[in-house]
Amino acid sequence: THVLTATGWQPEDLTWDDSVTVSVVDSDGVRAEVQAQDASDPGIVVPADAAAYVIFTSGSTGRPKGVVVPHTGIATLALEQVRLFGLRPDSRVSQVASPSFDAAVMELLMPFACGARLVVPAAPGPLAGEELGRFLSQGRITHALVPPTALASVPTTALPELVTLATGGEACGAELVRRWAPGRRMVNLYGATEATVWSTWEVLEPGVPVRVGRPIAGTRVFVLDRWLRPVPPGVVGDVYLAGAGVARGYAGRAGLSASRFVADPFTGGGGRMYRTGDRGRWSRSGVLEFAGRADDQVKLRGFRIELGEIESVVASSPGVAESAVVVREDTPGVRRLVAYLTGQAGLDVEVVRERTRRMLPEYMVPAVFVVLAELPVTVNGKLDVDRLPSPEAEGGERYVPARTEVERVLCRIWSELLGVERVGVTDNFFELGGDSILSIQVVSRARRAGLELSSRDVFVKQTIEALAADLVPSLDGAHSPTEAEQGPVVGPTEMLPVQTWFLDTHPVAPHHFMMSMGFTL
């Protein structure tokens, strides 16, 4: 591994595992040597079907699948994005997706194909809510890809420079279209990693049903029955993707590749189709409509997850006999992964949780682990999902109650959003079922209560005890840093939401409340 350093950045500033050998190269020292090299075209010919990149996606057996994507796929996608999105050299494209997520490939291709500018956030980490809104505004973003869940957390603002807003990865609701489509082109994208990011698109308009859309150039979409015969419009079938974007297969997984990449019976020349596992139907106008999944793969917060992969990891933990993982929505609007397991007496759930966290990315770690004497089954021996009990809504085992007014306000907010009856100040937000989107709602409610928080705070300080340590209630409530500062307020003013809540729940004299909040009368 070679590391290029710039003036003022010393090798000792780097940290790495001792097992990694690193050569440090001073970029200033080799600049002249590099500039002296021949700048002419080296004349290297890369075949269109040669591998451009390998990206890993979820595997149902606990082994991630490396998808081998050819150059022809990314070349086709790049040209289509320029054409369909109206990209120009002066466009400004946001780059917010993780490099491990193939949406990042789409973001990179958009500016590179036309000489536009790629705008990268200054700080690492997930962007959502007001932070994402500020990034889009301050970065003067003209083209952005935002999953529906993240988009729902962004306050609706003018953003006049955002001319194209793409969304995909999960279902987009009509309310989001109503909020974001006016004044710009809003498009719904559908596709798969195995077919070079996305294969269809549809312009979204308020009042018009959200549909998957039509194929992009170089792509063919089929809706077939079990015998690979096309079904009539309006009839649900299995969705297959074909054309230039179809990947070469899975790296080192010939058997799996053969089962998912099948011969294309509609074209000659040895073409193949990718079986997506999605179900869909054609409308009479030739637009594809989504009709669910054919297997246990789910979409959660924009991530494609195969529940079998999580079950495999959980079941491989010491002391676990069986496992089942489902997506539950016990609190309206809050979808989370719940793992059910059986095993030896005295099974330590925390050990299983930590092992799962080490083996899987954070978005695939169940929010709750429930130990059962046995998993419920149907008469034919299959898991009876409907009989799986609701997880107990309890906090951590070592419950520590709130001790200050700030801690009490945060405990109440967490309890309401997470559907947890009792929240202690040492309980971990993410272990109680929190996620990046719920963290945005925590920030919003906290600011309404006069507590200034950011989403990054929730990620870094994951307990109420840590969050409350540096928080001081604000007299003027939350405000956006882009708003003008307010001058002195004189005369009668309404109470803050936290004051109203406290007086409703604690029958004490107002001056006692003000003194408890640290205010001097």
Protein backbone atom coordinates (compact mmCIF):
# COMPACT_ATOMS: atom_id res chain seq x y z
CA THR A 1 0.00 0.00 0.00
CA HIS A 2 1.37 3.43 -0.96
CA VAL A 3 0.30 6.58 0.84
CA LEU A 4 0.72 9.97 -0.86
CA THR A 5 1.41 12.77 1.61
CA ALA A 6 1.15 16.50 1.08
CA THR A 7 3.14 19.30 2.67
CA GLY A 8 2.26 19.70 6.35
CA TRP A 9 0.88 16.17 6.74
CA GLN A 10 3.45 13.87 8.29
CA PRO A 11 3.62 10.05 8.08
CA GLU A 12 3.38 9.80 11.86
CA ASP A 13 -0.13 11.29 11.62
CA LEU A 14 -1.28 8.01 10.08
CA THR A 15 -2.54 5.02 12.07
CA TRP A 16 -2.88 1.49 10.74
CA ASP A 17 -2.81 -2.14 11.77
CA ASP A 18 0.70 -3.42 12.51
CA SER A 19 0.15 -6.29 10.06
CA VAL A 20 -0.09 -3.85 7.12
CA THR A 21 3.07 -2.76 5.32
CA VAL A 22 2.82 0.84 4.15
CA SER A 23 5.23 2.80 1.95
CA VAL A 24 4.96 6.57 2.35
CA VAL A 25 5.54 8.65 -0.79
CA ASP A 26 6.03 12.42 -0.61
CA SER A 27 3.85 13.78 -3.42
CA ASP A 28 5.87 17.00 -3.66
CA GLY A 29 9.09 15.06 -4.01
CA VAL A 30 7.88 12.97 -6.95
CA ARG A 31 5.91 15.71 -8.70
CA ALA A 32 8.66 16.46 -11.20
CA GLU A 33 9.19 12.79 -11.93
CA VAL A 34 5.49 12.30 -12.60
CA GLN A 35 5.25 15.37 -14.83
CA ALA A 36 8.16 14.08 -16.93
CA GLN A 37 6.26 10.94 -17.88
CA ASP A 38 4.77 10.48 -21.35
CA ALA A 39 1.24 11.92 -21.37
CA SER A 40 0.13 10.36 -24.64
CA ASP A 41 -2.55 7.69 -24.94
CA PRO A 42 -0.94 4.38 -23.89
CA GLY A 43 -3.10 2.57 -26.45
CA ILE A 44 -4.39 -0.04 -24.01
CA VAL A 45 -7.59 -1.62 -25.29
CA VAL A 46 -10.07 -2.78 -22.63
CA PRO A 47 -12.71 -5.22 -23.91
CA ALA A 48 -16.27 -4.11 -23.30
CA ASP A 49 -17.06 -7.28 -21.33
CA ALA A 50 -13.97 -6.95 -19.10
CA ALA A 51 -14.65 -6.49 -15.39
CA ALA A 52 -14.89 -2.84 -14.33
CA TYR A 53 -15.47 -3.45 -10.61
CA VAL A 54 -16.64 -6.05 -8.10
CA ILE A 55 -19.13 -4.98 -5.43
CA PHE A 56 -20.43 -7.20 -2.67
CA THR A 57 -24.08 -7.59 -1.79
CA SER A 58 -26.02 -9.61 0.75
CA GLY A 59 -25.93 -13.43 0.57
CA SER A 60 -28.64 -15.79 1.86
CA THR A 61 -26.09 -18.33 3.18
CA GLY A 62 -24.09 -15.88 5.26
CA ARG A 63 -21.52 -15.42 2.47
CA PRO A 64 -21.66 -12.03 0.70
CA LYS A 65 -21.82 -12.23 -3.11
CA GLY A 66 -19.27 -10.36 -5.21
CA VAL A 67 -21.03 -9.02 -8.31
CA VAL A 68 -18.70 -8.64 -11.31
CA VAL A 69 -19.86 -5.64 -13.36
CA PRO A 70 -18.42 -5.17 -16.89
CA HIS A 71 -17.34 -1.94 -18.58
CA THR A 72 -20.25 -2.12 -21.00
CA GLY A 73 -22.66 -1.78 -18.08
CA ILE A 74 -21.15 1.36 -16.60
CA ALA A 75 -20.58 2.95 -20.02
CA THR A 76 -24.25 2.48 -20.92
CA LEU A 77 -25.41 3.78 -17.54
CA ALA A 78 -23.16 6.84 -17.68
CA LEU A 79 -24.43 7.90 -21.11
CA GLU A 80 -28.07 7.37 -20.10
CA GLN A 81 -27.67 9.45 -16.96
CA VAL A 82 -26.27 12.36 -18.94
CA ARG A 83 -29.14 12.11 -21.42
CA LEU A 84 -32.02 11.51 -19.02
CA PHE A 85 -30.94 13.85 -16.23
CA GLY A 86 -29.83 16.70 -18.46
CA LEU A 87 -26.30 16.77 -17.01
CA ARG A 88 -23.94 19.54 -18.18
CA PRO A 89 -20.36 20.57 -17.39
CA ASP A 90 -21.67 23.17 -14.93
CA SER A 91 -23.83 20.64 -13.03
CA ARG A 92 -23.06 19.93 -9.36
CA VAL A 93 -23.69 16.33 -8.28
CA SER A 94 -23.88 15.25 -4.63
CA GLN A 95 -21.84 12.28 -3.37
CA VAL A 96 -23.43 11.03 -0.14
CA ALA A 97 -23.79 7.24 -0.61
CA SER A 98 -21.31 4.90 1.04
CA PRO A 99 -18.69 3.46 -1.38
CA SER A 100 -19.87 -0.01 -0.33
CA PHE A 101 -23.34 0.79 -1.72
CA ASP A 102 -23.70 0.73 -5.52
CA ALA A 103 -25.59 4.03 -5.45
CA ALA A 104 -22.11 5.56 -5.01
CA VAL A 105 -21.21 4.22 -8.48
CA MET A 106 -24.13 6.12 -9.96
CA GLU A 107 -23.11 9.33 -8.18
CA LEU A 108 -19.52 9.01 -9.43
CA LEU A 109 -20.52 8.29 -13.02
CA MET A 110 -22.83 11.28 -13.39
CA PRO A 111 -20.18 14.04 -13.25
CA PHE A 112 -17.33 12.01 -14.73
CA ALA A 113 -19.27 11.35 -17.94
CA CYS A 114 -19.80 15.02 -18.75
CA GLY A 115 -17.14 16.99 -16.90
CA ALA A 116 -19.47 18.15 -14.12
CA ARG A 117 -18.44 18.71 -10.49
CA LEU A 118 -18.79 16.07 -7.75
CA VAL A 119 -19.56 17.70 -4.38
CA VAL A 120 -18.49 15.67 -1.33
CA PRO A 121 -19.58 16.51 2.27
CA ALA A 122 -16.82 17.96 4.44
CA ALA A 123 -17.37 15.49 7.28
CA PRO A 124 -17.78 11.70 7.00
CA GLY A 125 -20.84 9.85 8.20
CA PRO A 126 -24.51 9.55 7.20
CA LEU A 127 -26.38 12.66 6.14
CA ALA A 128 -30.09 13.09 6.74
CA GLY A 129 -32.58 15.60 8.06
CA GLU A 130 -31.59 19.25 8.36
CA GLU A 131 -27.91 18.38 7.83
CA LEU A 132 -28.66 16.88 4.41
CA GLY A 133 -30.85 19.86 3.56
CA ARG A 134 -28.04 22.28 4.45
CA PHE A 135 -25.55 20.27 2.39
CA LEU A 136 -27.81 20.39 -0.68
CA SER A 137 -28.33 24.12 -0.22
CA GLN A 138 -24.81 25.23 0.67
CA GLY A 139 -23.26 22.92 -1.94
CA ARG A 140 -25.60 24.37 -4.60
CA ILE A 141 -26.39 20.81 -5.67
CA THR A 142 -28.16 20.52 -9.03
CA HIS A 143 -28.45 16.72 -9.20
CA ALA A 144 -28.91 14.41 -6.19
CA LEU A 145 -29.82 10.81 -5.41
CA VAL A 146 -31.65 10.50 -2.06
CA PRO A 147 -33.43 7.32 -0.83
CA PRO A 148 -37.07 7.90 0.19
CA THR A 149 -36.45 7.32 3.91
CA ALA A 150 -33.70 9.93 4.01
CA LEU A 151 -35.71 12.29 1.83
CA ALA A 152 -38.64 12.09 4.24
CA SER A 153 -36.42 13.42 7.02
CA VAL A 154 -35.34 16.53 5.10
CA PRO A 155 -37.40 19.67 5.79
CA THR A 156 -38.98 20.87 2.57
CA THR A 157 -37.06 23.92 1.40
CA ALA A 158 -36.92 25.87 -1.84
CA LEU A 159 -33.55 24.53 -3.11
CA PRO A 160 -33.98 26.36 -6.45
CA GLU A 161 -30.71 24.98 -7.85
CA LEU A 162 -31.76 21.34 -7.37
CA VAL A 163 -33.15 20.65 -10.84
CA THR A 164 -33.09 16.83 -10.76
CA LEU A 165 -33.90 14.73 -7.68
CA ALA A 166 -33.57 10.97 -8.11
CA THR A 167 -34.88 8.51 -5.53
CA GLY A 168 -34.88 4.73 -5.33
CA GLY A 169 -33.90 1.70 -3.31
CA GLU A 170 -37.34 1.39 -1.70
CA ALA A 171 -40.92 2.49 -2.24
CA CYS A 172 -41.47 6.22 -2.61
CA GLY A 173 -44.70 7.50 -1.07
CA ALA A 174 -47.13 9.93 -2.67
CA GLU A 175 -46.52 12.47 0.12
CA LEU A 176 -42.84 12.71 -0.81
CA VAL A 177 -43.78 13.33 -4.43
CA ARG A 178 -46.21 16.04 -3.37
CA ARG A 179 -43.50 17.75 -1.31
CA TRP A 180 -40.52 17.45 -3.63
CA ALA A 181 -41.65 17.12 -7.26
CA PRO A 182 -42.94 20.68 -7.84
CA GLY A 183 -40.30 22.95 -9.31
CA ARG A 184 -37.91 20.22 -10.46
CA ARG A 185 -37.68 16.87 -12.21
CA MET A 186 -38.17 14.08 -9.66
CA VAL A 187 -37.51 10.54 -10.92
CA ASN A 188 -38.02 7.10 -9.45
CA LEU A 189 -35.22 4.60 -10.18
CA TYR A 190 -35.40 0.81 -10.04
CA GLY A 191 -32.69 -1.76 -10.57
CA ALA A 192 -30.27 -4.21 -9.02
CA THR A 193 -26.56 -4.42 -8.28
CA GLU A 194 -26.48 -7.37 -10.70
CA ALA A 195 -27.68 -5.09 -13.51
CA THR A 196 -25.40 -2.07 -12.94
CA VAL A 197 -27.23 -0.03 -10.33
CA TRP A 198 -30.52 0.82 -12.04
CA SER A 199 -32.46 -0.26 -15.12
CA THR A 200 -35.74 1.68 -15.25
CA TRP A 201 -36.90 5.19 -14.54
CA GLU A 202 -40.13 7.11 -14.19
CA VAL A 203 -40.79 10.84 -13.81
CA LEU A 204 -42.86 11.41 -10.66
CA GLU A 205 -45.72 13.88 -10.56
CA PRO A 206 -48.06 14.83 -7.69
CA GLY A 207 -51.35 12.95 -7.82
CA VAL A 208 -49.99 10.27 -10.18
CA PRO A 209 -49.37 6.75 -8.77
CA VAL A 210 -45.69 5.96 -8.15
CA ARG A 211 -44.57 3.17 -10.49
CA VAL A 212 -41.28 1.44 -11.31
CA GLY A 213 -41.16 2.91 -14.79
CA ARG A 214 -39.75 2.12 -18.23
CA PRO A 215 -36.39 0.59 -19.22
CA ILE A 216 -33.44 2.84 -19.97
CA ALA A 217 -31.64 2.50 -23.32
CA GLY A 218 -29.72 -0.75 -23.69
CA THR A 219 -31.90 -2.52 -21.11
CA ARG A 220 -34.80 -4.95 -21.55
CA VAL A 221 -37.26 -5.83 -18.79
CA PHE A 222 -39.40 -8.97 -18.85
CA VAL A 223 -42.29 -10.03 -16.64
CA LEU A 224 -42.49 -13.82 -16.96
CA ASP A 225 -44.33 -16.79 -15.50
CA ARG A 226 -42.63 -19.86 -14.01
CA TRP A 227 -42.02 -21.27 -17.51
CA LEU A 228 -40.30 -18.03 -18.66
CA ARG A 229 -43.29 -17.00 -20.78
CA PRO A 230 -44.36 -13.33 -20.91
CA VAL A 231 -47.54 -12.59 -18.95
CA PRO A 232 -50.25 -10.20 -20.22
CA PRO A 233 -50.54 -6.62 -18.93
CA GLY A 234 -52.06 -6.51 -15.46
CA VAL A 235 -50.92 -10.04 -14.56
CA VAL A 236 -48.25 -10.39 -11.88
CA GLY A 237 -45.08 -12.28 -12.79
CA ASP A 238 -41.36 -12.50 -12.04
CA VAL A 239 -39.20 -9.57 -13.12
CA TYR A 240 -36.09 -10.30 -15.23
CA LEU A 241 -33.52 -7.76 -16.46
CA ALA A 242 -31.50 -8.16 -19.66
CA GLY A 243 -29.21 -6.08 -21.85
CA ALA A 244 -25.89 -4.27 -21.56
CA GLY A 245 -26.12 -3.71 -17.82
CA VAL A 246 -26.35 -7.37 -16.77
CA ALA A 247 -23.33 -8.38 -14.70
CA ARG A 248 -20.97 -11.22 -15.60
CA GLY A 249 -22.08 -13.13 -12.48
CA TYR A 250 -20.86 -13.69 -8.95
CA ALA A 251 -17.11 -13.93 -8.39
CA GLY A 252 -16.14 -17.52 -7.61
CA ARG A 253 -19.79 -18.62 -7.31
CA ALA A 254 -20.51 -20.48 -10.56
CA GLY A 255 -23.46 -22.42 -9.17
CA LEU A 256 -25.16 -19.35 -7.74
CA SER A 257 -24.49 -17.42 -10.94
CA ALA A 258 -26.17 -20.15 -13.00
CA SER A 259 -29.29 -20.00 -10.83
CA ARG A 260 -29.71 -16.22 -11.01
CA PHE A 261 -28.30 -15.41 -14.48
CA VAL A 262 -30.30 -17.50 -16.96
CA ALA A 263 -30.28 -17.81 -20.74
CA ASP A 264 -32.29 -15.15 -22.57
CA PRO A 265 -34.84 -17.05 -24.70
CA PHE A 266 -35.91 -13.90 -26.57
CA THR A 267 -32.61 -12.93 -28.20
CA GLY A 268 -29.87 -14.91 -29.85
CA GLY A 269 -26.14 -14.73 -29.35
CA GLY A 270 -25.97 -16.29 -25.90
CA GLY A 271 -27.57 -13.38 -24.04
CA ARG A 272 -28.54 -13.74 -20.38
CA MET A 273 -31.21 -12.39 -18.06
CA TYR A 274 -30.93 -11.64 -14.35
CA ARG A 275 -33.73 -13.01 -12.16
CA THR A 276 -34.34 -10.18 -9.69
CA GLY A 277 -36.60 -12.01 -7.25
CA ASP A 278 -39.07 -9.12 -7.57
CA ARG A 279 -42.68 -9.50 -8.67
CA GLY A 280 -44.28 -7.01 -11.01
CA ARG A 281 -46.87 -6.30 -13.68
CA TRP A 282 -47.07 -4.24 -16.84
CA SER A 283 -49.68 -1.48 -17.04
CA ARG A 284 -51.62 -1.12 -20.27
CA SER A 285 -49.45 1.90 -21.11
CA GLY A 286 -46.26 -0.18 -20.84
CA VAL A 287 -45.08 0.98 -17.40
CA LEU A 288 -43.71 -1.55 -14.90
CA GLU A 289 -45.41 -1.69 -11.49
CA PHE A 290 -43.86 -3.30 -8.40
CA ALA A 291 -45.79 -6.16 -6.76
CA GLY A 292 -43.51 -7.33 -3.94
CA ARG A 293 -40.71 -9.84 -3.41
CA ALA A 294 -40.68 -13.51 -4.40
CA ASP A 295 -38.35 -14.48 -1.53
CA ASP A 296 -37.46 -13.26 1.93
CA GLN A 297 -35.30 -10.39 0.74
CA VAL A 298 -36.44 -7.06 2.14
CA LYS A 299 -35.63 -3.38 1.72
CA LEU A 300 -35.06 -1.51 4.97
CA ARG A 301 -33.97 2.15 5.07
CA GLY A 302 -32.76 1.85 1.47
CA PHE A 303 -30.61 -1.25 2.05
CA ARG A 304 -31.31 -4.55 0.38
CA ILE A 305 -31.24 -7.24 3.07
CA GLU A 306 -31.66 -10.99 2.84
CA LEU A 307 -33.03 -12.18 6.16
CA GLY A 308 -31.48 -15.61 5.63
CA GLU A 309 -28.01 -14.11 5.84
CA ILE A 310 -28.72 -12.62 9.27
CA GLU A 311 -30.35 -15.85 10.45
CA SER A 312 -27.26 -17.78 9.39
CA VAL A 313 -24.96 -15.52 11.41
CA VAL A 314 -27.20 -15.55 14.50
CA ALA A 315 -27.62 -19.34 14.34
CA SER A 316 -23.86 -19.80 14.15
CA SER A 317 -23.38 -18.10 17.54
CA PRO A 318 -22.42 -20.38 20.47
CA GLY A 319 -25.43 -21.71 22.33
CA VAL A 320 -27.99 -20.81 19.64
CA ALA A 321 -30.08 -23.68 18.24
CA GLU A 322 -32.49 -21.93 15.84
CA SER A 323 -33.01 -18.40 14.63
CA ALA A 324 -35.57 -16.43 12.68
CA VAL A 325 -35.32 -12.77 11.66
CA VAL A 326 -38.28 -10.66 10.60
CA VAL A 327 -39.08 -7.00 9.97
CA ARG A 328 -41.66 -5.74 12.46
CA GLU A 329 -43.60 -2.50 12.65
CA ASP A 330 -45.02 -2.59 16.19
CA THR A 331 -44.91 1.22 16.30
CA PRO A 332 -46.54 2.82 13.21
CA GLY A 333 -43.86 4.08 10.85
CA VAL A 334 -41.00 2.40 12.74
CA ARG A 335 -39.75 -0.71 10.92
CA ARG A 336 -36.97 -2.67 12.58
CA LEU A 337 -35.27 -6.05 12.44
CA VAL A 338 -36.15 -8.47 15.23
CA ALA A 339 -34.27 -11.74 15.80
CA TYR A 340 -35.94 -14.71 17.51
CA LEU A 341 -33.72 -17.51 18.76
CA THR A 342 -33.78 -20.68 20.79
CA GLY A 343 -30.89 -22.36 22.55
CA GLN A 344 -29.27 -23.48 25.72
CA ALA A 345 -30.47 -22.40 29.15
CA GLY A 346 -28.86 -19.15 30.22
CA LEU A 347 -28.14 -18.05 26.64
CA ASP A 348 -26.43 -14.66 26.78
CA VAL A 349 -28.17 -12.40 24.27
CA GLU A 350 -25.48 -9.72 24.56
CA VAL A 351 -22.83 -12.18 23.42
CA VAL A 352 -24.95 -13.04 20.38
CA ARG A 353 -25.56 -9.36 19.66
CA GLU A 354 -21.86 -8.46 19.81
CA ARG A 355 -20.87 -11.39 17.61
CA THR A 356 -23.53 -10.42 15.07
CA ARG A 357 -22.29 -6.83 15.09
CA ARG A 358 -18.74 -7.98 14.36
CA MET A 359 -19.83 -10.14 11.41
CA LEU A 360 -22.47 -7.94 9.77
CA PRO A 361 -22.78 -4.26 8.84
CA GLU A 362 -24.69 -2.11 11.33
CA TYR A 363 -27.83 -1.88 9.15
CA MET A 364 -28.17 -5.69 9.25
CA VAL A 365 -27.85 -6.06 13.04
CA PRO A 366 -31.28 -6.76 14.59
CA ALA A 367 -32.51 -4.05 16.93
CA VAL A 368 -33.99 -6.62 19.30
CA PHE A 369 -33.06 -10.23 20.17
CA VAL A 370 -35.87 -12.35 21.67
CA VAL A 371 -35.16 -15.75 23.26
CA LEU A 372 -37.99 -18.30 22.95
CA ALA A 373 -38.40 -21.83 24.23
CA GLU A 374 -39.24 -22.83 20.65
CA LEU A 375 -40.05 -21.16 17.36
CA PRO A 376 -43.73 -21.38 16.36
CA VAL A 377 -44.36 -23.45 13.24
CA THR A 378 -47.28 -24.15 10.93
CA VAL A 379 -48.85 -27.58 10.43
CA ASN A 380 -46.40 -28.30 7.62
CA GLY A 381 -43.38 -27.47 9.78
CA LYS A 382 -42.58 -24.02 8.41
CA LEU A 383 -42.02 -20.95 10.57
CA ASP A 384 -45.32 -19.36 11.57
CA VAL A 385 -44.40 -15.69 11.34
CA ASP A 386 -47.83 -14.54 12.53
CA ARG A 387 -47.34 -16.30 15.88
CA LEU A 388 -43.99 -14.70 16.67
CA PRO A 389 -44.57 -12.58 19.80
CA SER A 390 -44.01 -8.86 19.95
CA PRO A 391 -40.65 -8.12 21.58
CA GLU A 392 -40.83 -6.90 25.13
CA ALA A 393 -40.55 -3.12 25.18
CA GLU A 394 -38.05 -2.85 28.03
CA GLY A 395 -34.85 -0.90 28.49
CA GLY A 396 -31.46 -2.29 29.44
CA GLU A 397 -30.98 -4.75 32.30
CA ARG A 398 -29.19 -2.17 34.49
CA TYR A 399 -31.87 0.50 34.49
CA VAL A 400 -30.67 3.96 35.55
CA PRO A 401 -33.51 6.52 35.79
CA ALA A 402 -33.24 10.14 34.69
CA ARG A 403 -31.70 12.47 37.27
CA THR A 404 -32.01 15.89 35.63
CA GLU A 405 -34.70 17.68 33.70
CA VAL A 406 -32.72 17.41 30.44
CA GLU A 407 -32.37 13.64 30.93
CA ARG A 408 -36.10 13.33 31.68
CA VAL A 409 -37.00 15.18 28.45
CA LEU A 410 -34.68 12.97 26.38
CA CYS A 411 -36.00 9.80 28.04
CA ARG A 412 -39.54 10.81 27.15
CA ILE A 413 -38.57 11.53 23.51
CA TRP A 414 -36.76 8.19 23.16
CA SER A 415 -39.64 6.32 24.77
CA GLU A 416 -42.20 7.81 22.38
CA LEU A 417 -40.15 7.32 19.22
CA LEU A 418 -38.80 3.84 20.02
CA GLY A 419 -42.01 2.47 21.52
CA VAL A 420 -40.11 1.56 24.68
CA GLU A 421 -42.00 1.91 27.96
CA ARG A 422 -38.98 2.53 30.17
CA VAL A 423 -35.75 4.16 29.00
CA GLY A 424 -32.71 4.49 31.25
CA VAL A 425 -29.99 7.10 30.81
CA THR A 426 -27.34 4.41 30.20
CA ASP A 427 -29.38 2.54 27.56
CA ASN A 428 -27.91 2.55 24.05
CA PHE A 429 -30.10 4.27 21.43
CA PHE A 430 -29.30 1.77 18.67
CA GLU A 431 -29.65 -1.30 20.88
CA LEU A 432 -33.17 -0.11 21.76
CA GLY A 433 -34.06 -0.14 18.06
CA GLY A 434 -32.90 3.30 16.96
CA ASP A 435 -31.52 4.04 13.52
CA SER A 436 -30.30 6.99 11.47
CA ILE A 437 -33.82 8.11 10.55
CA LEU A 438 -35.14 7.92 14.12
CA SER A 439 -32.10 9.92 15.21
CA ILE A 440 -33.33 12.76 12.97
CA GLN A 441 -36.69 12.69 14.75
CA VAL A 442 -34.92 12.74 18.12
CA VAL A 443 -33.04 15.87 17.05
CA SER A 444 -36.21 17.53 15.79
CA ARG A 445 -38.19 16.89 18.97
CA ALA A 446 -35.26 17.84 21.19
CA ARG A 447 -34.91 21.18 19.40
CA ARG A 448 -38.62 21.84 19.81
CA ALA A 449 -38.05 21.26 23.52
CA GLY A 450 -35.22 23.79 23.57
CA LEU A 451 -32.32 21.32 23.43
CA GLU A 452 -29.78 21.91 20.64
CA LEU A 453 -28.70 18.54 19.18
CA SER A 454 -27.37 17.26 15.85
CA SER A 455 -27.71 13.83 14.25
CA ARG A 456 -23.96 13.37 14.62
CA ASP A 457 -24.32 13.86 18.39
CA VAL A 458 -26.73 10.92 18.58
CA PHE A 459 -24.30 8.71 16.64
CA VAL A 460 -21.27 9.67 18.74
CA LYS A 461 -22.97 9.89 22.16
CA GLN A 462 -25.35 6.95 22.06
CA THR A 463 -26.74 7.20 25.61
CA ILE A 464 -28.88 9.90 27.22
CA GLU A 465 -26.27 10.27 29.93
CA ALA A 466 -23.62 11.19 27.35
CA LEU A 467 -25.96 13.43 25.33
CA ALA A 468 -27.21 15.37 28.35
CA ALA A 469 -23.75 15.99 29.81
CA ASP A 470 -23.08 19.09 27.69
CA LEU A 471 -26.66 20.18 26.95
CA VAL A 472 -28.10 23.38 28.38
CA PRO A 473 -31.79 24.24 27.71
CA SER A 474 -32.10 27.10 25.25
CA LEU A 475 -34.40 30.02 26.08
CA ASP A 476 -35.09 30.84 22.43
CA GLY A 477 -35.41 27.24 21.23
CA ALA A 478 -33.69 25.72 18.23
CA HIS A 479 -32.77 27.69 15.18
CA SER A 480 -31.10 27.01 11.91
CA PRO A 481 -27.57 28.44 11.55
CA THR A 482 -28.68 29.98 8.27
CA GLU A 483 -31.38 32.08 9.95
CA ALA A 484 -30.73 35.65 11.03
CA GLU A 485 -30.06 36.07 14.74
CA GLN A 486 -33.05 37.39 16.69
CA GLY A 487 -32.72 40.56 18.74
CA PRO A 488 -33.78 40.92 22.38
CA VAL A 489 -37.31 39.79 23.17
CA VAL A 490 -39.42 42.08 25.35
CA GLY A 491 -42.89 41.71 26.77
CA PRO A 492 -44.89 38.51 27.45
CA THR A 493 -43.71 35.35 25.66
CA GLU A 494 -45.12 31.87 25.36
CA MET A 495 -43.56 29.09 27.40
CA LEU A 496 -41.16 26.65 25.73
CA PRO A 497 -42.53 23.18 24.92
CA VAL A 498 -40.34 21.69 27.67
CA GLN A 499 -41.79 24.17 30.18
CA THR A 500 -45.34 23.35 29.15
CA TRP A 501 -44.65 19.63 29.39
CA PHE A 502 -43.00 19.98 32.80
CA LEU A 503 -45.84 22.01 34.29
CA ASP A 504 -48.38 19.53 32.90
CA THR A 505 -46.63 16.57 34.50
CA HIS A 506 -45.10 18.18 37.65
CA PRO A 507 -47.59 20.28 39.71
CA VAL A 508 -45.02 22.72 41.14
CA ALA A 509 -44.94 26.47 41.36
CA PRO A 510 -43.55 28.20 38.23
CA HIS A 511 -40.66 29.78 40.13
CA HIS A 512 -39.61 26.36 41.41
CA PHE A 513 -39.58 25.09 37.82
CA MET A 514 -37.51 28.03 36.60
CA MET A 515 -34.97 27.54 39.36
CA SER A 516 -34.77 23.79 38.58
CA MET A 517 -33.89 24.67 34.98
CA GLY A 518 -31.06 26.94 36.13
CA PHE A 519 -32.84 30.25 35.47
CA THR A 520 -32.59 33.19 37.88
CA LEU A 521 -35.72 35.20 38.63
